[in-house]
Amino acid sequence: MGNDELNFAKSSLTSQAGYSLLEILISVAIFAIGILGIAGLQVRATNTDTHSRLLTEAYTVATDQIEEILLWNYNSTAAGKNLTGAASPGITYNLGNVGPGNRYQLSYNVINNPGPTPPNNTKTITVSVTINRSTLPPVNITFLKTPVQDLES
């Protein structure tokens, strides 16, 4: 074997193509960090989806109650349908746990507006739905009821 052949054999052994163990470890670490980030986003998306569902159900419970109240007589005092109000801050009626799985606490507040200033001869009604076992804020919807809205006979 000549010197040229020995030099060629020696250089081919020391300059091998491929990846070193350190390069592979760094690649795996970067990949793992990326996967952890995606997993964190998935958890956050799931929580946001749950909060959205709870708030949507709470708004549905509140609007259902508003539709029910609009059917009540303006001066109703019937059990569970009481619209007896008072001056601000009004009177609050608690209807208890309602909705899917009794997950929501429903109440409504009635404030009389006798007037002479608008909105005179109306009642300001605020329906409030609190989500049990949740840190989400309650859903509050306020509307005015007038005597001409009476649909109940």
Protein backbone atom coordinates (compact mmCIF):
# COMPACT_ATOMS: atom_id res chain seq x y z
CA MET A 1 0.00 0.00 0.00
CA GLY A 2 1.27 3.41 -0.87
CA ASN A 3 1.12 6.61 1.12
CA ASP A 4 -1.72 7.89 -0.99
CA GLU A 5 -3.83 4.85 -0.23
CA LEU A 6 -3.11 5.10 3.53
CA ASN A 7 -4.00 8.81 3.60
CA PHE A 8 -7.25 8.13 1.74
CA ALA A 9 -8.23 5.30 4.14
CA LYS A 10 -7.36 7.43 7.19
CA SER A 11 -9.30 10.50 5.94
CA SER A 12 -12.37 8.46 5.07
CA LEU A 13 -12.48 7.00 8.59
CA THR A 14 -12.26 10.38 10.34
CA SER A 15 -14.70 12.32 8.11
CA GLN A 16 -17.73 10.07 8.17
CA ALA A 17 -21.05 11.46 6.98
CA GLY A 18 -24.10 11.34 9.31
CA TYR A 19 -25.32 12.83 12.59
CA SER A 20 -23.59 12.79 15.90
CA LEU A 21 -25.31 11.75 19.11
CA LEU A 22 -25.29 15.36 20.33
CA GLU A 23 -27.10 16.58 17.20
CA ILE A 24 -29.76 13.91 17.62
CA LEU A 25 -30.27 14.78 21.31
CA ILE A 26 -30.68 18.47 20.49
CA SER A 27 -33.19 17.64 17.73
CA VAL A 28 -35.19 15.43 20.08
CA ALA A 29 -35.21 18.16 22.77
CA ILE A 30 -36.49 20.79 20.30
CA PHE A 31 -39.16 18.37 19.07
CA ALA A 32 -40.24 17.58 22.65
CA ILE A 33 -40.56 21.28 23.50
CA GLY A 34 -42.75 21.77 20.42
CA ILE A 35 -44.97 18.82 21.32
CA LEU A 36 -45.36 20.11 24.91
CA GLY A 37 -46.39 23.49 23.55
CA ILE A 38 -49.02 21.90 21.32
CA ALA A 39 -50.29 19.79 24.24
CA GLY A 40 -50.62 22.95 26.36
CA LEU A 41 -52.61 24.63 23.60
CA GLN A 42 -54.90 21.60 23.41
CA VAL A 43 -55.60 21.74 27.16
CA ARG A 44 -56.34 25.47 26.93
CA ALA A 45 -58.64 24.95 23.95
CA THR A 46 -60.54 22.24 25.85
CA ASN A 47 -60.99 24.55 28.87
CA THR A 48 -62.16 27.39 26.65
CA ASP A 49 -64.63 25.07 24.95
CA THR A 50 -66.03 24.02 28.35
CA HIS A 51 -66.36 27.65 29.50
CA SER A 52 -68.10 28.58 26.24
CA ARG A 53 -70.56 25.71 26.64
CA LEU A 54 -71.35 26.68 30.24
CA LEU A 55 -71.89 30.35 29.35
CA THR A 56 -74.08 29.40 26.37
CA GLU A 57 -76.22 27.17 28.58
CA ALA A 58 -76.43 29.95 31.21
CA TYR A 59 -77.59 32.48 28.58
CA THR A 60 -80.15 29.95 27.35
CA VAL A 61 -81.49 29.46 30.90
CA ALA A 62 -81.68 33.26 31.33
CA THR A 63 -83.47 33.91 28.03
CA ASP A 64 -85.91 31.05 28.71
CA GLN A 65 -86.75 32.70 32.04
CA ILE A 66 -87.19 36.10 30.36
CA GLU A 67 -89.63 34.58 27.87
CA GLU A 68 -91.52 33.01 30.77
CA ILE A 69 -91.64 36.31 32.71
CA LEU A 70 -92.95 38.15 29.65
CA LEU A 71 -95.96 35.81 29.75
CA TRP A 72 -96.74 36.62 33.39
CA ASN A 73 -99.30 39.22 34.36
CA TYR A 74 -97.73 42.62 35.09
CA ASN A 75 -98.94 42.55 38.70
CA SER A 76 -98.64 38.80 39.25
CA THR A 77 -98.20 37.61 42.83
CA ALA A 78 -98.63 33.88 42.10
CA ALA A 79 -96.15 31.49 43.66
CA GLY A 80 -93.13 31.16 41.40
CA LYS A 81 -94.45 33.97 39.19
CA ASN A 82 -94.16 36.91 41.56
CA LEU A 83 -93.56 40.29 39.93
CA THR A 84 -94.11 42.33 43.08
CA GLY A 85 -91.29 44.84 43.00
CA ALA A 86 -90.00 47.69 45.06
CA ALA A 87 -87.96 50.81 44.53
CA SER A 88 -84.28 50.29 43.81
CA PRO A 89 -82.60 47.88 44.72
CA GLY A 90 -85.86 45.97 44.20
CA ILE A 91 -86.85 42.51 45.39
CA THR A 92 -84.91 39.40 44.39
CA TYR A 93 -86.62 36.05 43.90
CA ASN A 94 -84.52 32.89 43.96
CA LEU A 95 -85.81 30.08 41.74
CA GLY A 96 -83.16 27.55 42.82
CA ASN A 97 -81.04 25.19 40.74
CA VAL A 98 -82.12 24.74 37.13
CA GLY A 99 -80.80 23.72 33.74
CA PRO A 100 -78.89 20.62 32.64
CA GLY A 101 -77.74 18.75 35.74
CA ASN A 102 -79.13 21.54 37.98
CA ARG A 103 -75.82 23.27 37.32
CA TYR A 104 -77.22 26.81 37.35
CA GLN A 105 -78.61 29.02 40.14
CA LEU A 106 -81.45 31.15 38.76
CA SER A 107 -82.86 34.33 40.29
CA TYR A 108 -84.55 37.52 39.14
CA ASN A 109 -84.83 41.00 40.60
CA VAL A 110 -87.83 43.32 40.15
CA ILE A 111 -87.56 47.10 40.49
CA ASN A 112 -90.72 49.22 40.18
CA ASN A 113 -90.42 52.37 38.09
CA PRO A 114 -93.57 54.33 39.00
CA GLY A 115 -92.32 57.46 37.22
CA PRO A 116 -93.29 60.42 36.22
CA THR A 117 -89.91 60.26 34.45
CA PRO A 118 -89.33 57.56 31.84
CA PRO A 119 -89.40 54.69 31.99
CA ASN A 120 -92.54 55.33 34.02
CA ASN A 121 -95.05 52.63 34.93
CA THR A 122 -92.59 49.85 34.08
CA LYS A 123 -90.66 47.21 35.95
CA THR A 124 -86.95 46.71 35.47
CA ILE A 125 -86.29 43.00 35.69
CA THR A 126 -82.82 41.50 35.89
CA VAL A 127 -82.50 37.76 35.40
CA SER A 128 -79.31 36.38 36.93
CA VAL A 129 -77.83 32.92 36.31
CA THR A 130 -74.84 31.78 38.37
CA ILE A 131 -72.91 28.71 37.28
CA ASN A 132 -72.49 26.39 40.28
CA ARG A 133 -68.97 25.13 41.03
CA SER A 134 -67.40 27.54 38.55
CA THR A 135 -65.27 30.66 38.65
CA LEU A 136 -67.08 32.09 35.63
CA PRO A 137 -68.99 35.32 36.23
CA PRO A 138 -72.80 35.19 36.46
CA VAL A 139 -74.94 35.95 33.43
CA ASN A 140 -77.18 38.99 34.00
CA ILE A 141 -79.79 40.17 31.51
CA THR A 142 -81.91 43.25 32.27
CA PHE A 143 -85.13 44.19 30.48
CA LEU A 144 -88.23 46.34 31.02
CA LYS A 145 -91.72 44.93 31.46
CA THR A 146 -94.68 47.16 30.72
CA PRO A 147 -98.37 46.54 31.41
CA VAL A 148 -99.10 46.28 27.68
CA GLN A 149 -96.81 43.23 27.43
CA ASP A 150 -99.31 41.13 29.40
CA LEU A 151 -100.05 38.04 27.37
CA GLU A 152 -101.35 35.82 30.18
CA SER A 153 -105.12 35.76 30.58
